Amino acid sequence: AAALLMHRFTGFPLPQCVGRGTGLD
């Protein structure tokens, strides 16, 4: 949810907003 909000409010591309969260490979 935070990555989607970041993408929409900042205009950064979605790949730049999405991380590993709780530890995804």
mmCIF file of all heavy atoms, coordinates in Angstrom:
data_MODEL
# 
_entry.id   MODEL 
# 
loop_
_atom_site.group_PDB 
_atom_site.id 
_atom_site.type_symbol 
_atom_site.label_atom_id 
_atom_site.label_alt_id 
_atom_site.label_comp_id 
_atom_site.label_asym_id 
_atom_site.label_entity_id 
_atom_site.label_seq_id 
_atom_site.pdbx_PDB_ins_code 
_atom_site.Cartn_x 
_atom_site.Cartn_y 
_atom_site.Cartn_z 
_atom_site.occupancy 
_atom_site.B_iso_or_equiv 
_atom_site.pdbx_formal_charge 
_atom_site.auth_seq_id 
_atom_site.auth_comp_id 
_atom_site.auth_asym_id 
_atom_site.auth_atom_id 
_atom_site.pdbx_PDB_model_num 
ATOM 1   N N   . ALA A 1 1  ? 0.837  -1.204  0.000   1.00 0.00 ? 1  ALA A N   1 
ATOM 2   C CA  . ALA A 1 1  ? 0.000  0.000   0.000   1.00 0.00 ? 1  ALA A CA  1 
ATOM 3   C C   . ALA A 1 1  ? 0.867  1.246   0.000   1.00 0.00 ? 1  ALA A C   1 
ATOM 4   O O   . ALA A 1 1  ? 0.599  2.216   -0.728  1.00 0.00 ? 1  ALA A O   1 
ATOM 5   C CB  . ALA A 1 1  ? -0.925 -0.020  1.213   1.00 0.00 ? 1  ALA A CB  1 
ATOM 6   N N   . ALA A 1 2  ? 1.932  1.238   0.799   1.00 0.00 ? 2  ALA A N   1 
ATOM 7   C CA  . ALA A 1 2  ? 2.808  2.407   0.877   1.00 0.00 ? 2  ALA A CA  1 
ATOM 8   C C   . ALA A 1 2  ? 3.495  2.676   -0.455  1.00 0.00 ? 2  ALA A C   1 
ATOM 9   O O   . ALA A 1 2  ? 3.659  3.832   -0.863  1.00 0.00 ? 2  ALA A O   1 
ATOM 10  C CB  . ALA A 1 2  ? 3.841  2.207   1.987   1.00 0.00 ? 2  ALA A CB  1 
ATOM 11  N N   . ALA A 1 3  ? 3.919  1.621   -1.142  1.00 0.00 ? 3  ALA A N   1 
ATOM 12  C CA  . ALA A 1 3  ? 4.572  1.797   -2.444  1.00 0.00 ? 3  ALA A CA  1 
ATOM 13  C C   . ALA A 1 3  ? 3.612  2.407   -3.459  1.00 0.00 ? 3  ALA A C   1 
ATOM 14  O O   . ALA A 1 3  ? 4.002  3.278   -4.255  1.00 0.00 ? 3  ALA A O   1 
ATOM 15  C CB  . ALA A 1 3  ? 5.103  0.455   -2.943  1.00 0.00 ? 3  ALA A CB  1 
ATOM 16  N N   . LEU A 1 4  ? 2.363  1.971   -3.441  1.00 0.00 ? 4  LEU A N   1 
ATOM 17  C CA  . LEU A 1 4  ? 1.375  2.527   -4.357  1.00 0.00 ? 4  LEU A CA  1 
ATOM 18  C C   . LEU A 1 4  ? 1.085  3.990   -4.040  1.00 0.00 ? 4  LEU A C   1 
ATOM 19  O O   . LEU A 1 4  ? 0.953  4.817   -4.960  1.00 0.00 ? 4  LEU A O   1 
ATOM 20  C CB  . LEU A 1 4  ? 0.089  1.695   -4.289  1.00 0.00 ? 4  LEU A CB  1 
ATOM 21  C CG  . LEU A 1 4  ? 0.190  0.312   -4.926  1.00 0.00 ? 4  LEU A CG  1 
ATOM 22  C CD1 . LEU A 1 4  ? -0.920 -0.599  -4.420  1.00 0.00 ? 4  LEU A CD1 1 
ATOM 23  C CD2 . LEU A 1 4  ? 0.145  0.412   -6.453  1.00 0.00 ? 4  LEU A CD2 1 
ATOM 24  N N   . LEU A 1 5  ? 0.998  4.330   -2.766  1.00 0.00 ? 5  LEU A N   1 
ATOM 25  C CA  . LEU A 1 5  ? 0.802  5.730   -2.386  1.00 0.00 ? 5  LEU A CA  1 
ATOM 26  C C   . LEU A 1 5  ? 1.997  6.574   -2.811  1.00 0.00 ? 5  LEU A C   1 
ATOM 27  O O   . LEU A 1 5  ? 1.849  7.685   -3.337  1.00 0.00 ? 5  LEU A O   1 
ATOM 28  C CB  . LEU A 1 5  ? 0.578  5.838   -0.877  1.00 0.00 ? 5  LEU A CB  1 
ATOM 29  C CG  . LEU A 1 5  ? -0.720 5.237   -0.350  1.00 0.00 ? 5  LEU A CG  1 
ATOM 30  C CD1 . LEU A 1 5  ? -0.715 5.197   1.175   1.00 0.00 ? 5  LEU A CD1 1 
ATOM 31  C CD2 . LEU A 1 5  ? -1.939 6.015   -0.860  1.00 0.00 ? 5  LEU A CD2 1 
ATOM 32  N N   . MET A 1 6  ? 3.196  6.046   -2.597  1.00 0.00 ? 6  MET A N   1 
ATOM 33  C CA  . MET A 1 6  ? 4.403  6.764   -3.009  1.00 0.00 ? 6  MET A CA  1 
ATOM 34  C C   . MET A 1 6  ? 4.386  7.024   -4.515  1.00 0.00 ? 6  MET A C   1 
ATOM 35  O O   . MET A 1 6  ? 4.656  8.143   -4.970  1.00 0.00 ? 6  MET A O   1 
ATOM 36  C CB  . MET A 1 6  ? 5.639  5.947   -2.619  1.00 0.00 ? 6  MET A CB  1 
ATOM 37  C CG  . MET A 1 6  ? 6.943  6.529   -3.106  1.00 0.00 ? 6  MET A CG  1 
ATOM 38  S SD  . MET A 1 6  ? 8.336  5.417   -2.791  1.00 0.00 ? 6  MET A SD  1 
ATOM 39  C CE  . MET A 1 6  ? 9.633  6.271   -3.706  1.00 0.00 ? 6  MET A CE  1 
ATOM 40  N N   . HIS A 1 7  ? 4.094  5.997   -5.262  1.00 0.00 ? 7  HIS A N   1 
ATOM 41  C CA  . HIS A 1 7  ? 4.052  6.115   -6.717  1.00 0.00 ? 7  HIS A CA  1 
ATOM 42  C C   . HIS A 1 7  ? 3.079  7.207   -7.150  1.00 0.00 ? 7  HIS A C   1 
ATOM 43  O O   . HIS A 1 7  ? 3.400  8.060   -8.000  1.00 0.00 ? 7  HIS A O   1 
ATOM 44  C CB  . HIS A 1 7  ? 3.637  4.759   -7.301  1.00 0.00 ? 7  HIS A CB  1 
ATOM 45  C CG  . HIS A 1 7  ? 3.295  4.785   -8.757  1.00 0.00 ? 7  HIS A CG  1 
ATOM 46  N ND1 . HIS A 1 7  ? 4.195  5.164   -9.733  1.00 0.00 ? 7  HIS A ND1 1 
ATOM 47  C CD2 . HIS A 1 7  ? 2.131  4.464   -9.405  1.00 0.00 ? 7  HIS A CD2 1 
ATOM 48  C CE1 . HIS A 1 7  ? 3.611  5.074   -10.913 1.00 0.00 ? 7  HIS A CE1 1 
ATOM 49  N NE2 . HIS A 1 7  ? 2.373  4.653   -10.745 1.00 0.00 ? 7  HIS A NE2 1 
ATOM 50  N N   . ARG A 1 8  ? 1.903  7.230   -6.543  1.00 0.00 ? 8  ARG A N   1 
ATOM 51  C CA  . ARG A 1 8  ? 0.871  8.169   -6.966  1.00 0.00 ? 8  ARG A CA  1 
ATOM 52  C C   . ARG A 1 8  ? 1.180  9.601   -6.504  1.00 0.00 ? 8  ARG A C   1 
ATOM 53  O O   . ARG A 1 8  ? 0.958  10.561  -7.246  1.00 0.00 ? 8  ARG A O   1 
ATOM 54  C CB  . ARG A 1 8  ? -0.484 7.719   -6.433  1.00 0.00 ? 8  ARG A CB  1 
ATOM 55  C CG  . ARG A 1 8  ? -1.666 8.449   -7.028  1.00 0.00 ? 8  ARG A CG  1 
ATOM 56  C CD  . ARG A 1 8  ? -1.740 8.326   -8.550  1.00 0.00 ? 8  ARG A CD  1 
ATOM 57  N NE  . ARG A 1 8  ? -1.777 6.952   -9.005  1.00 0.00 ? 8  ARG A NE  1 
ATOM 58  C CZ  . ARG A 1 8  ? -2.896 6.248   -9.136  1.00 0.00 ? 8  ARG A CZ  1 
ATOM 59  N NH1 . ARG A 1 8  ? -4.065 6.781   -8.828  1.00 0.00 ? 8  ARG A NH1 1 
ATOM 60  N NH2 . ARG A 1 8  ? -2.858 5.015   -9.583  1.00 0.00 ? 8  ARG A NH2 1 
ATOM 61  N N   . PHE A 1 9  ? 1.713  9.765   -5.289  1.00 0.00 ? 9  PHE A N   1 
ATOM 62  C CA  . PHE A 1 9  ? 1.909  11.116  -4.763  1.00 0.00 ? 9  PHE A CA  1 
ATOM 63  C C   . PHE A 1 9  ? 3.227  11.749  -5.191  1.00 0.00 ? 9  PHE A C   1 
ATOM 64  O O   . PHE A 1 9  ? 3.343  12.973  -5.211  1.00 0.00 ? 9  PHE A O   1 
ATOM 65  C CB  . PHE A 1 9  ? 1.811  11.111  -3.232  1.00 0.00 ? 9  PHE A CB  1 
ATOM 66  C CG  . PHE A 1 9  ? 0.403  11.019  -2.731  1.00 0.00 ? 9  PHE A CG  1 
ATOM 67  C CD1 . PHE A 1 9  ? -0.085 9.848   -2.188  1.00 0.00 ? 9  PHE A CD1 1 
ATOM 68  C CD2 . PHE A 1 9  ? -0.464 12.100  -2.824  1.00 0.00 ? 9  PHE A CD2 1 
ATOM 69  C CE1 . PHE A 1 9  ? -1.391 9.742   -1.746  1.00 0.00 ? 9  PHE A CE1 1 
ATOM 70  C CE2 . PHE A 1 9  ? -1.768 12.011  -2.382  1.00 0.00 ? 9  PHE A CE2 1 
ATOM 71  C CZ  . PHE A 1 9  ? -2.237 10.834  -1.835  1.00 0.00 ? 9  PHE A CZ  1 
ATOM 72  N N   . THR A 1 10 ? 4.231  10.940  -5.506  1.00 0.00 ? 10 THR A N   1 
ATOM 73  C CA  . THR A 1 10 ? 5.532  11.500  -5.877  1.00 0.00 ? 10 THR A CA  1 
ATOM 74  C C   . THR A 1 10 ? 5.790  11.462  -7.370  1.00 0.00 ? 10 THR A C   1 
ATOM 75  O O   . THR A 1 10 ? 6.633  12.214  -7.873  1.00 0.00 ? 10 THR A O   1 
ATOM 76  C CB  . THR A 1 10 ? 6.686  10.746  -5.197  1.00 0.00 ? 10 THR A CB  1 
ATOM 77  O OG1 . THR A 1 10 ? 6.762  9.405   -5.723  1.00 0.00 ? 10 THR A OG1 1 
ATOM 78  C CG2 . THR A 1 10 ? 6.494  10.687  -3.683  1.00 0.00 ? 10 THR A CG2 1 
ATOM 79  N N   . GLY A 1 11 ? 5.112  10.563  -8.079  1.00 0.00 ? 11 GLY A N   1 
ATOM 80  C CA  . GLY A 1 11 ? 5.368  10.406  -9.499  1.00 0.00 ? 11 GLY A CA  1 
ATOM 81  C C   . GLY A 1 11 ? 6.549  9.519   -9.829  1.00 0.00 ? 11 GLY A C   1 
ATOM 82  O O   . GLY A 1 11 ? 6.874  9.316   -11.008 1.00 0.00 ? 11 GLY A O   1 
ATOM 83  N N   . PHE A 1 12 ? 7.213  8.954   -8.812  1.00 0.00 ? 12 PHE A N   1 
ATOM 84  C CA  . PHE A 1 12 ? 8.311  8.033   -9.086  1.00 0.00 ? 12 PHE A CA  1 
ATOM 85  C C   . PHE A 1 12 ? 7.761  6.773   -9.766  1.00 0.00 ? 12 PHE A C   1 
ATOM 86  O O   . PHE A 1 12 ? 6.668  6.306   -9.433  1.00 0.00 ? 12 PHE A O   1 
ATOM 87  C CB  . PHE A 1 12 ? 9.031  7.635   -7.799  1.00 0.00 ? 12 PHE A CB  1 
ATOM 88  C CG  . PHE A 1 12 ? 9.948  8.687   -7.254  1.00 0.00 ? 12 PHE A CG  1 
ATOM 89  C CD1 . PHE A 1 12 ? 9.666  9.313   -6.046  1.00 0.00 ? 12 PHE A CD1 1 
ATOM 90  C CD2 . PHE A 1 12 ? 11.104 9.051   -7.925  1.00 0.00 ? 12 PHE A CD2 1 
ATOM 91  C CE1 . PHE A 1 12 ? 10.510 10.292  -5.538  1.00 0.00 ? 12 PHE A CE1 1 
ATOM 92  C CE2 . PHE A 1 12 ? 11.953 10.028  -7.419  1.00 0.00 ? 12 PHE A CE2 1 
ATOM 93  C CZ  . PHE A 1 12 ? 11.654 10.652  -6.228  1.00 0.00 ? 12 PHE A CZ  1 
ATOM 94  N N   . PRO A 1 13 ? 8.514  6.193   -10.709 1.00 0.00 ? 13 PRO A N   1 
ATOM 95  C CA  . PRO A 1 13 ? 8.065  4.943   -11.336 1.00 0.00 ? 13 PRO A CA  1 
ATOM 96  C C   . PRO A 1 13 ? 7.872  3.854   -10.287 1.00 0.00 ? 13 PRO A C   1 
ATOM 97  O O   . PRO A 1 13 ? 8.619  3.784   -9.310  1.00 0.00 ? 13 PRO A O   1 
ATOM 98  C CB  . PRO A 1 13 ? 9.214  4.593   -12.286 1.00 0.00 ? 13 PRO A CB  1 
ATOM 99  C CG  . PRO A 1 13 ? 9.964  5.869   -12.495 1.00 0.00 ? 13 PRO A CG  1 
ATOM 100 C CD  . PRO A 1 13 ? 9.810  6.654   -11.231 1.00 0.00 ? 13 PRO A CD  1 
ATOM 101 N N   . LEU A 1 14 ? 6.889  3.014   -10.492 1.00 0.00 ? 14 LEU A N   1 
ATOM 102 C CA  . LEU A 1 14 ? 6.554  1.995   -9.507  1.00 0.00 ? 14 LEU A CA  1 
ATOM 103 C C   . LEU A 1 14 ? 7.741  1.090   -9.143  1.00 0.00 ? 14 LEU A C   1 
ATOM 104 O O   . LEU A 1 14 ? 7.921  0.776   -7.953  1.00 0.00 ? 14 LEU A O   1 
ATOM 105 C CB  . LEU A 1 14 ? 5.360  1.176   -9.993  1.00 0.00 ? 14 LEU A CB  1 
ATOM 106 C CG  . LEU A 1 14 ? 4.636  0.326   -8.949  1.00 0.00 ? 14 LEU A CG  1 
ATOM 107 C CD1 . LEU A 1 14 ? 4.175  1.166   -7.760  1.00 0.00 ? 14 LEU A CD1 1 
ATOM 108 C CD2 . LEU A 1 14 ? 3.427  -0.352  -9.593  1.00 0.00 ? 14 LEU A CD2 1 
ATOM 109 N N   . PRO A 1 15 ? 8.587  0.669   -10.100 1.00 0.00 ? 15 PRO A N   1 
ATOM 110 C CA  . PRO A 1 15 ? 9.727  -0.174  -9.705  1.00 0.00 ? 15 PRO A CA  1 
ATOM 111 C C   . PRO A 1 15 ? 10.654 0.501   -8.688  1.00 0.00 ? 15 PRO A C   1 
ATOM 112 O O   . PRO A 1 15 ? 11.295 -0.182  -7.884  1.00 0.00 ? 15 PRO A O   1 
ATOM 113 C CB  . PRO A 1 15 ? 10.458 -0.432  -11.025 1.00 0.00 ? 15 PRO A CB  1 
ATOM 114 C CG  . PRO A 1 15 ? 9.393  -0.325  -12.055 1.00 0.00 ? 15 PRO A CG  1 
ATOM 115 C CD  . PRO A 1 15 ? 8.491  0.771   -11.572 1.00 0.00 ? 15 PRO A CD  1 
ATOM 116 N N   . GLN A 1 16 ? 10.697 1.830   -8.710  1.00 0.00 ? 16 GLN A N   1 
ATOM 117 C CA  . GLN A 1 16 ? 11.536 2.572   -7.765  1.00 0.00 ? 16 GLN A CA  1 
ATOM 118 C C   . GLN A 1 16 ? 10.893 2.620   -6.380  1.00 0.00 ? 16 GLN A C   1 
ATOM 119 O O   . GLN A 1 16 ? 11.567 2.905   -5.396  1.00 0.00 ? 16 GLN A O   1 
ATOM 120 C CB  . GLN A 1 16 ? 11.744 3.997   -8.291  1.00 0.00 ? 16 GLN A CB  1 
ATOM 121 C CG  . GLN A 1 16 ? 12.990 4.678   -7.786  1.00 0.00 ? 16 GLN A CG  1 
ATOM 122 C CD  . GLN A 1 16 ? 13.287 5.946   -8.566  1.00 0.00 ? 16 GLN A CD  1 
ATOM 123 O OE1 . GLN A 1 16 ? 12.907 6.086   -9.729  1.00 0.00 ? 16 GLN A OE1 1 
ATOM 124 N NE2 . GLN A 1 16 ? 13.962 6.885   -7.944  1.00 0.00 ? 16 GLN A NE2 1 
ATOM 125 N N   . CYS A 1 17 ? 9.612  2.318   -6.309  1.00 0.00 ? 17 CYS A N   1 
ATOM 126 C CA  . CYS A 1 17 ? 8.858  2.407   -5.053  1.00 0.00 ? 17 CYS A CA  1 
ATOM 127 C C   . CYS A 1 17 ? 8.728  1.064   -4.343  1.00 0.00 ? 17 CYS A C   1 
ATOM 128 O O   . CYS A 1 17 ? 8.391  1.028   -3.155  1.00 0.00 ? 17 CYS A O   1 
ATOM 129 C CB  . CYS A 1 17 ? 7.451  2.945   -5.327  1.00 0.00 ? 17 CYS A CB  1 
ATOM 130 S SG  . CYS A 1 17 ? 7.397  4.518   -6.223  1.00 0.00 ? 17 CYS A SG  1 
ATOM 131 N N   . VAL A 1 18 ? 8.968  -0.022  -5.045  1.00 0.00 ? 18 VAL A N   1 
ATOM 132 C CA  . VAL A 1 18 ? 8.683  -1.355  -4.519  1.00 0.00 ? 18 VAL A CA  1 
ATOM 133 C C   . VAL A 1 18 ? 9.958  -1.997  -3.990  1.00 0.00 ? 18 VAL A C   1 
ATOM 134 O O   . VAL A 1 18 ? 10.969 -2.075  -4.688  1.00 0.00 ? 18 VAL A O   1 
ATOM 135 C CB  . VAL A 1 18 ? 8.066  -2.255  -5.614  1.00 0.00 ? 18 VAL A CB  1 
ATOM 136 C CG1 . VAL A 1 18 ? 7.848  -3.671  -5.091  1.00 0.00 ? 18 VAL A CG1 1 
ATOM 137 C CG2 . VAL A 1 18 ? 6.742  -1.655  -6.088  1.00 0.00 ? 18 VAL A CG2 1 
ATOM 138 N N   . GLY A 1 19 ? 9.905  -2.451  -2.730  1.00 0.00 ? 19 GLY A N   1 
ATOM 139 C CA  . GLY A 1 19 ? 11.059 -3.094  -2.111  1.00 0.00 ? 19 GLY A CA  1 
ATOM 140 C C   . GLY A 1 19 ? 10.719 -4.477  -1.582  1.00 0.00 ? 19 GLY A C   1 
ATOM 141 O O   . GLY A 1 19 ? 9.680  -5.059  -1.906  1.00 0.00 ? 19 GLY A O   1 
ATOM 142 N N   . ARG A 1 20 ? 11.601 -4.960  -0.713  1.00 0.00 ? 20 ARG A N   1 
ATOM 143 C CA  . ARG A 1 20 ? 11.488 -6.341  -0.231  1.00 0.00 ? 20 ARG A CA  1 
ATOM 144 C C   . ARG A 1 20 ? 10.525 -6.498  0.937   1.00 0.00 ? 20 ARG A C   1 
ATOM 145 O O   . ARG A 1 20 ? 10.216 -7.624  1.340   1.00 0.00 ? 20 ARG A O   1 
ATOM 146 C CB  . ARG A 1 20 ? 12.879 -6.862  0.160   1.00 0.00 ? 20 ARG A CB  1 
ATOM 147 C CG  . ARG A 1 20 ? 13.826 -6.903  -1.012  1.00 0.00 ? 20 ARG A CG  1 
ATOM 148 C CD  . ARG A 1 20 ? 15.150 -7.575  -0.693  1.00 0.00 ? 20 ARG A CD  1 
ATOM 149 N NE  . ARG A 1 20 ? 16.035 -7.501  -1.838  1.00 0.00 ? 20 ARG A NE  1 
ATOM 150 C CZ  . ARG A 1 20 ? 16.010 -8.345  -2.871  1.00 0.00 ? 20 ARG A CZ  1 
ATOM 151 N NH1 . ARG A 1 20 ? 15.137 -9.339  -2.883  1.00 0.00 ? 20 ARG A NH1 1 
ATOM 152 N NH2 . ARG A 1 20 ? 16.836 -8.191  -3.890  1.00 0.00 ? 20 ARG A NH2 1 
ATOM 153 N N   . GLY A 1 21 ? 10.062 -5.380  1.504   1.00 0.00 ? 21 GLY A N   1 
ATOM 154 C CA  . GLY A 1 21 ? 9.113  -5.480  2.607   1.00 0.00 ? 21 GLY A CA  1 
ATOM 155 C C   . GLY A 1 21 ? 9.672  -6.279  3.763   1.00 0.00 ? 21 GLY A C   1 
ATOM 156 O O   . GLY A 1 21 ? 10.738 -5.978  4.293   1.00 0.00 ? 21 GLY A O   1 
ATOM 157 N N   . THR A 1 22 ? 8.976  -7.337  4.141   1.00 0.00 ? 22 THR A N   1 
ATOM 158 C CA  . THR A 1 22 ? 9.403  -8.162  5.273   1.00 0.00 ? 22 THR A CA  1 
ATOM 159 C C   . THR A 1 22 ? 10.487 -9.168  4.903   1.00 0.00 ? 22 THR A C   1 
ATOM 160 O O   . THR A 1 22 ? 10.827 -10.032 5.710   1.00 0.00 ? 22 THR A O   1 
ATOM 161 C CB  . THR A 1 22 ? 8.192  -8.914  5.857   1.00 0.00 ? 22 THR A CB  1 
ATOM 162 O OG1 . THR A 1 22 ? 7.469  -9.542  4.789   1.00 0.00 ? 22 THR A OG1 1 
ATOM 163 C CG2 . THR A 1 22 ? 7.282  -7.962  6.602   1.00 0.00 ? 22 THR A CG2 1 
ATOM 164 N N   . GLY A 1 23 ? 11.034 -9.087  3.669   1.00 0.00 ? 23 GLY A N   1 
ATOM 165 C CA  . GLY A 1 23 ? 12.148 -9.957  3.318   1.00 0.00 ? 23 GLY A CA  1 
ATOM 166 C C   . GLY A 1 23 ? 11.928 -10.838 2.106   1.00 0.00 ? 23 GLY A C   1 
ATOM 167 O O   . GLY A 1 23 ? 12.403 -11.977 2.063   1.00 0.00 ? 23 GLY A O   1 
ATOM 168 N N   . LEU A 1 24 ? 11.233 -10.332 1.098   1.00 0.00 ? 24 LEU A N   1 
ATOM 169 C CA  . LEU A 1 24 ? 11.012 -11.109 -0.121  1.00 0.00 ? 24 LEU A CA  1 
ATOM 170 C C   . LEU A 1 24 ? 12.329 -11.347 -0.863  1.00 0.00 ? 24 LEU A C   1 
ATOM 171 O O   . LEU A 1 24 ? 13.221 -10.493 -0.870  1.00 0.00 ? 24 LEU A O   1 
ATOM 172 C CB  . LEU A 1 24 ? 10.053 -10.360 -1.050  1.00 0.00 ? 24 LEU A CB  1 
ATOM 173 C CG  . LEU A 1 24 ? 8.588  -10.240 -0.610  1.00 0.00 ? 24 LEU A CG  1 
ATOM 174 C CD1 . LEU A 1 24 ? 7.851  -9.285  -1.536  1.00 0.00 ? 24 LEU A CD1 1 
ATOM 175 C CD2 . LEU A 1 24 ? 7.912  -11.606 -0.589  1.00 0.00 ? 24 LEU A CD2 1 
ATOM 176 N N   . ASP A 1 25 ? 12.434 -12.495 -1.511  1.00 0.00 ? 25 ASP A N   1 
ATOM 177 C CA  . ASP A 1 25 ? 13.576 -12.744 -2.393  1.00 0.00 ? 25 ASP A CA  1 
ATOM 178 C C   . ASP A 1 25 ? 13.308 -12.063 -3.744  1.00 0.00 ? 25 ASP A C   1 
ATOM 179 O O   . ASP A 1 25 ? 12.272 -11.408 -3.935  1.00 0.00 ? 25 ASP A O   1 
ATOM 180 C CB  . ASP A 1 25 ? 13.832 -14.245 -2.551  1.00 0.00 ? 25 ASP A CB  1 
ATOM 181 C CG  . ASP A 1 25 ? 12.642 -15.011 -3.110  1.00 0.00 ? 25 ASP A CG  1 
ATOM 182 O OD1 . ASP A 1 25 ? 11.709 -14.378 -3.659  1.00 0.00 ? 25 ASP A OD1 1 
ATOM 183 O OD2 . ASP A 1 25 ? 12.643 -16.259 -2.986  1.00 0.00 ? 25 ASP A OD2 1 
# 
